[in-house]
Amino acid sequence: QQQQQQQQQQPSFDQQPAAVQVQEQNVIQEGPSSRTIQLWREVAFGIDKNQTVVWKNAVDSLEEGLQYLHTSNDARAFVEKYMKPVISILLEQLPHKIGMMERNC
């Protein structure tokens, strides 16, 4: 029963990567990979359960979110819900390590 509750509480990002066609450029862009979806799940779980996240995973999750923001509902959902907590945690850890990409978020 506890395991079912945990599964229900975890963010439900799509399992399968999706292909999206960008009309303006007639280019087919692949959706987030299964590795990216898993990364978003791990970061979301860490924040939801412990308010912590590994630095590299935090930065990677934001970079992937930015890459797919306009083409993936999963990316948009992740960024809208977790960008602020991720950046807050990063700022608390080591403010001097914040790069330009993170500052521009």
N, C-alpha and C. Protein backbone atom coordinates (compact mmCIF):
# COMPACT_ATOMS: atom_id res chain seq x y z
N GLN A 1 0.83 -1.19 0.00
CA GLN A 1 0.00 0.00 0.00
C GLN A 1 0.88 1.26 0.00
N GLN A 2 1.94 1.26 0.81
CA GLN A 2 2.84 2.41 0.86
C GLN A 2 3.52 2.61 -0.49
N GLN A 3 3.88 1.49 -1.15
CA GLN A 3 4.52 1.58 -2.45
C GLN A 3 3.55 2.18 -3.48
N GLN A 4 2.28 1.84 -3.42
CA GLN A 4 1.29 2.41 -4.33
C GLN A 4 1.16 3.90 -4.11
N GLN A 5 1.20 4.36 -2.85
CA GLN A 5 1.11 5.77 -2.56
C GLN A 5 2.31 6.51 -3.13
N GLN A 6 3.51 5.92 -3.00
CA GLN A 6 4.72 6.55 -3.54
C GLN A 6 4.62 6.67 -5.05
N GLN A 7 4.12 5.62 -5.71
CA GLN A 7 3.99 5.66 -7.17
C GLN A 7 2.99 6.71 -7.60
N GLN A 8 1.92 6.88 -6.83
CA GLN A 8 0.93 7.87 -7.17
C GLN A 8 1.45 9.28 -6.95
N GLN A 9 2.35 9.47 -5.98
CA GLN A 9 2.88 10.78 -5.67
C GLN A 9 3.98 11.21 -6.63
N GLN A 10 4.64 10.26 -7.28
CA GLN A 10 5.73 10.60 -8.18
C GLN A 10 5.18 11.28 -9.42
N PRO A 11 5.90 12.26 -9.95
CA PRO A 11 5.45 12.93 -11.16
C PRO A 11 5.28 11.92 -12.29
N SER A 12 4.28 12.11 -13.10
CA SER A 12 4.00 11.13 -14.16
C SER A 12 4.43 11.68 -15.51
N PHE A 13 5.74 11.70 -15.72
CA PHE A 13 6.26 12.08 -17.02
C PHE A 13 6.09 10.89 -17.94
N ASP A 14 5.86 11.14 -19.23
CA ASP A 14 5.64 10.06 -20.18
C ASP A 14 6.78 9.05 -20.14
N GLN A 15 6.42 7.79 -20.34
CA GLN A 15 7.41 6.72 -20.36
C GLN A 15 8.19 6.71 -21.68
N GLN A 16 7.49 6.94 -22.78
CA GLN A 16 8.10 6.79 -24.09
C GLN A 16 8.52 8.15 -24.66
N PRO A 17 9.71 8.23 -25.22
CA PRO A 17 10.10 9.46 -25.90
C PRO A 17 9.16 9.73 -27.07
N ALA A 18 8.93 10.98 -27.36
CA ALA A 18 8.01 11.35 -28.44
C ALA A 18 8.76 12.12 -29.52
N ALA A 19 8.28 12.01 -30.74
CA ALA A 19 8.85 12.78 -31.84
C ALA A 19 7.90 13.94 -32.12
N VAL A 20 8.45 15.11 -32.27
CA VAL A 20 7.65 16.30 -32.51
C VAL A 20 8.15 16.97 -33.78
N GLN A 21 7.23 17.34 -34.65
CA GLN A 21 7.64 18.04 -35.86
C GLN A 21 7.50 19.53 -35.63
N VAL A 22 8.58 20.25 -35.85
CA VAL A 22 8.58 21.70 -35.73
C VAL A 22 8.22 22.25 -37.11
N GLN A 23 7.05 22.84 -37.21
CA GLN A 23 6.52 23.27 -38.51
C GLN A 23 7.35 24.36 -39.17
N GLU A 24 7.84 25.34 -38.39
CA GLU A 24 8.54 26.47 -38.99
C GLU A 24 9.77 26.05 -39.78
N GLN A 25 10.46 25.04 -39.32
CA GLN A 25 11.71 24.64 -39.97
C GLN A 25 11.60 23.31 -40.70
N ASN A 26 10.43 22.67 -40.64
CA ASN A 26 10.23 21.35 -41.23
C ASN A 26 11.30 20.36 -40.79
N VAL A 27 11.62 20.40 -39.50
CA VAL A 27 12.62 19.52 -38.92
C VAL A 27 11.92 18.64 -37.90
N ILE A 28 12.23 17.37 -37.91
CA ILE A 28 11.67 16.49 -36.90
C ILE A 28 12.63 16.47 -35.73
N GLN A 29 12.12 16.85 -34.57
CA GLN A 29 12.94 16.88 -33.36
C GLN A 29 12.43 15.79 -32.43
N GLU A 30 13.32 14.96 -31.99
CA GLU A 30 12.96 13.92 -31.05
C GLU A 30 12.58 14.54 -29.72
N GLY A 31 11.64 13.92 -29.04
CA GLY A 31 11.27 14.36 -27.70
C GLY A 31 12.34 13.92 -26.72
N PRO A 32 12.11 14.19 -25.45
CA PRO A 32 13.09 13.81 -24.43
C PRO A 32 13.34 12.30 -24.43
N SER A 33 14.59 11.94 -24.23
CA SER A 33 14.95 10.52 -24.18
C SER A 33 14.45 9.90 -22.88
N SER A 34 14.47 8.59 -22.82
CA SER A 34 14.07 7.91 -21.59
C SER A 34 15.04 8.26 -20.45
N ARG A 35 16.31 8.52 -20.78
CA ARG A 35 17.28 8.94 -19.77
C ARG A 35 16.89 10.30 -19.19
N THR A 36 16.44 11.20 -20.05
CA THR A 36 16.01 12.52 -19.59
C THR A 36 14.78 12.42 -18.71
N ILE A 37 13.82 11.61 -19.13
CA ILE A 37 12.60 11.41 -18.33
C ILE A 37 12.98 10.85 -16.96
N GLN A 38 13.91 9.90 -16.93
CA GLN A 38 14.35 9.31 -15.66
C GLN A 38 15.06 10.36 -14.80
N LEU A 39 15.86 11.19 -15.42
CA LEU A 39 16.55 12.27 -14.70
C LEU A 39 15.53 13.19 -14.04
N TRP A 40 14.51 13.60 -14.80
CA TRP A 40 13.47 14.47 -14.24
C TRP A 40 12.77 13.79 -13.07
N ARG A 41 12.51 12.50 -13.19
CA ARG A 41 11.85 11.77 -12.09
C ARG A 41 12.74 11.75 -10.85
N GLU A 42 14.03 11.49 -11.02
CA GLU A 42 14.95 11.44 -9.88
C GLU A 42 15.05 12.79 -9.18
N VAL A 43 15.17 13.84 -9.96
CA VAL A 43 15.25 15.19 -9.38
C VAL A 43 13.94 15.52 -8.66
N ALA A 44 12.82 15.24 -9.30
CA ALA A 44 11.51 15.52 -8.69
C ALA A 44 11.34 14.74 -7.39
N PHE A 45 11.73 13.48 -7.40
CA PHE A 45 11.61 12.65 -6.20
C PHE A 45 12.48 13.20 -5.08
N GLY A 46 13.72 13.57 -5.39
CA GLY A 46 14.62 14.12 -4.38
C GLY A 46 14.08 15.40 -3.77
N ILE A 47 13.52 16.25 -4.59
CA ILE A 47 12.96 17.50 -4.08
C ILE A 47 11.70 17.24 -3.27
N ASP A 48 10.82 16.40 -3.78
CA ASP A 48 9.56 16.12 -3.08
C ASP A 48 9.78 15.43 -1.74
N LYS A 49 10.74 14.53 -1.68
CA LYS A 49 10.95 13.74 -0.45
C LYS A 49 11.92 14.38 0.53
N ASN A 50 13.01 14.95 0.03
CA ASN A 50 14.09 15.39 0.92
C ASN A 50 14.50 16.85 0.76
N GLN A 51 13.93 17.53 -0.22
CA GLN A 51 14.35 18.89 -0.54
C GLN A 51 15.85 18.95 -0.85
N THR A 52 16.36 17.90 -1.48
CA THR A 52 17.77 17.86 -1.89
C THR A 52 17.86 17.34 -3.32
N VAL A 53 18.98 17.65 -3.94
CA VAL A 53 19.23 17.16 -5.29
C VAL A 53 20.73 17.22 -5.54
N VAL A 54 21.25 16.25 -6.28
CA VAL A 54 22.66 16.21 -6.64
C VAL A 54 22.92 17.35 -7.63
N TRP A 55 24.02 18.07 -7.43
CA TRP A 55 24.33 19.26 -8.24
C TRP A 55 24.26 18.96 -9.73
N LYS A 56 24.97 17.93 -10.18
CA LYS A 56 25.02 17.62 -11.62
C LYS A 56 23.64 17.28 -12.15
N ASN A 57 22.86 16.51 -11.40
CA ASN A 57 21.51 16.18 -11.84
C ASN A 57 20.63 17.42 -11.92
N ALA A 58 20.80 18.33 -10.97
CA ALA A 58 20.02 19.56 -10.97
C ALA A 58 20.30 20.37 -12.23
N VAL A 59 21.58 20.57 -12.52
CA VAL A 59 21.97 21.35 -13.70
C VAL A 59 21.53 20.65 -14.97
N ASP A 60 21.77 19.34 -15.05
CA ASP A 60 21.38 18.59 -16.25
C ASP A 60 19.87 18.64 -16.47
N SER A 61 19.11 18.53 -15.39
CA SER A 61 17.64 18.54 -15.53
C SER A 61 17.14 19.88 -16.06
N LEU A 62 17.77 20.97 -15.63
CA LEU A 62 17.38 22.28 -16.13
C LEU A 62 17.78 22.46 -17.60
N GLU A 63 18.97 21.98 -17.96
CA GLU A 63 19.40 22.07 -19.36
C GLU A 63 18.47 21.28 -20.28
N GLU A 64 18.11 20.07 -19.84
CA GLU A 64 17.20 19.23 -20.63
C GLU A 64 15.81 19.88 -20.69
N GLY A 65 15.38 20.44 -19.58
CA GLY A 65 14.08 21.12 -19.57
C GLY A 65 14.06 22.28 -20.54
N LEU A 66 15.13 23.05 -20.58
CA LEU A 66 15.23 24.17 -21.51
C LEU A 66 15.23 23.69 -22.96
N GLN A 67 15.94 22.61 -23.21
CA GLN A 67 16.05 22.08 -24.58
C GLN A 67 14.68 21.67 -25.12
N TYR A 68 13.83 21.09 -24.28
CA TYR A 68 12.55 20.55 -24.74
C TYR A 68 11.34 21.38 -24.29
N LEU A 69 11.58 22.55 -23.74
CA LEU A 69 10.51 23.35 -23.15
C LEU A 69 9.35 23.61 -24.11
N HIS A 70 9.65 23.91 -25.35
CA HIS A 70 8.60 24.28 -26.31
C HIS A 70 8.05 23.10 -27.10
N THR A 71 8.63 21.93 -26.93
CA THR A 71 8.18 20.79 -27.73
C THR A 71 7.68 19.62 -26.90
N SER A 72 7.77 19.71 -25.59
CA SER A 72 7.39 18.58 -24.74
C SER A 72 6.56 19.05 -23.55
N ASN A 73 5.39 18.46 -23.40
CA ASN A 73 4.56 18.76 -22.22
C ASN A 73 5.25 18.32 -20.94
N ASP A 74 6.00 17.22 -21.01
CA ASP A 74 6.72 16.74 -19.83
C ASP A 74 7.78 17.74 -19.38
N ALA A 75 8.50 18.30 -20.35
CA ALA A 75 9.52 19.30 -20.02
C ALA A 75 8.88 20.52 -19.39
N ARG A 76 7.78 20.97 -19.98
CA ARG A 76 7.09 22.14 -19.43
C ARG A 76 6.60 21.87 -18.02
N ALA A 77 6.02 20.70 -17.80
CA ALA A 77 5.52 20.34 -16.46
C ALA A 77 6.66 20.30 -15.45
N PHE A 78 7.79 19.71 -15.84
CA PHE A 78 8.94 19.64 -14.94
C PHE A 78 9.45 21.04 -14.61
N VAL A 79 9.66 21.85 -15.62
CA VAL A 79 10.21 23.19 -15.41
C VAL A 79 9.26 24.04 -14.55
N GLU A 80 7.96 23.98 -14.86
CA GLU A 80 7.01 24.80 -14.11
C GLU A 80 6.96 24.42 -12.63
N LYS A 81 7.08 23.13 -12.35
CA LYS A 81 6.96 22.69 -10.96
C LYS A 81 8.29 22.69 -10.20
N TYR A 82 9.39 22.37 -10.87
CA TYR A 82 10.64 22.11 -10.15
C TYR A 82 11.76 23.11 -10.40
N MET A 83 11.63 24.02 -11.37
CA MET A 83 12.73 24.95 -11.63
C MET A 83 13.05 25.80 -10.40
N LYS A 84 12.05 26.38 -9.78
CA LYS A 84 12.30 27.25 -8.64
C LYS A 84 12.95 26.49 -7.48
N PRO A 85 12.43 25.32 -7.07
CA PRO A 85 13.11 24.60 -5.99
C PRO A 85 14.54 24.17 -6.34
N VAL A 86 14.76 23.76 -7.59
CA VAL A 86 16.11 23.35 -8.02
C VAL A 86 17.07 24.53 -7.90
N ILE A 87 16.68 25.67 -8.42
CA ILE A 87 17.56 26.84 -8.37
C ILE A 87 17.79 27.29 -6.93
N SER A 88 16.77 27.24 -6.11
CA SER A 88 16.93 27.60 -4.70
C SER A 88 17.94 26.70 -4.01
N ILE A 89 17.86 25.42 -4.27
CA ILE A 89 18.81 24.47 -3.67
C ILE A 89 20.22 24.75 -4.17
N LEU A 90 20.36 25.00 -5.47
CA LEU A 90 21.69 25.29 -6.03
C LEU A 90 22.28 26.55 -5.40
N LEU A 91 21.46 27.56 -5.22
CA LEU A 91 21.94 28.81 -4.62
C LEU A 91 22.38 28.61 -3.18
N GLU A 92 21.70 27.74 -2.46
CA GLU A 92 22.07 27.47 -1.08
C GLU A 92 23.38 26.69 -1.00
N GLN A 93 23.63 25.81 -1.97
CA GLN A 93 24.81 24.95 -1.91
C GLN A 93 26.09 25.74 -2.14
N LEU A 94 26.25 26.30 -3.30
CA LEU A 94 27.47 27.02 -3.64
C LEU A 94 27.15 28.14 -4.62
N PRO A 95 26.84 29.32 -4.13
CA PRO A 95 26.45 30.40 -5.03
C PRO A 95 27.48 30.73 -6.10
N HIS A 96 28.76 30.57 -5.81
CA HIS A 96 29.78 30.91 -6.81
C HIS A 96 29.86 29.90 -7.95
N LYS A 97 29.21 28.73 -7.81
CA LYS A 97 29.23 27.73 -8.88
C LYS A 97 28.10 27.93 -9.89
N ILE A 98 27.21 28.89 -9.66
CA ILE A 98 26.10 29.10 -10.56
C ILE A 98 26.63 29.64 -11.89
N GLY A 99 26.33 28.93 -12.96
CA GLY A 99 26.77 29.34 -14.29
C GLY A 99 25.78 30.29 -14.93
N MET A 100 26.13 30.74 -16.13
CA MET A 100 25.27 31.68 -16.84
C MET A 100 23.92 31.07 -17.19
N MET A 101 23.89 29.80 -17.58
CA MET A 101 22.62 29.18 -17.95
C MET A 101 21.67 29.19 -16.75
N GLU A 102 22.17 28.84 -15.56
CA GLU A 102 21.33 28.80 -14.38
C GLU A 102 20.87 30.22 -14.00
N ARG A 103 21.76 31.18 -14.13
CA ARG A 103 21.40 32.57 -13.79
C ARG A 103 20.32 33.10 -14.72
N ASN A 104 20.36 32.67 -15.97
CA ASN A 104 19.39 33.16 -16.94
C ASN A 104 18.02 32.50 -16.78
N CYS A 105 17.94 31.44 -16.00
CA CYS A 105 16.64 30.80 -15.77
C CYS A 105 15.81 31.71 -14.91
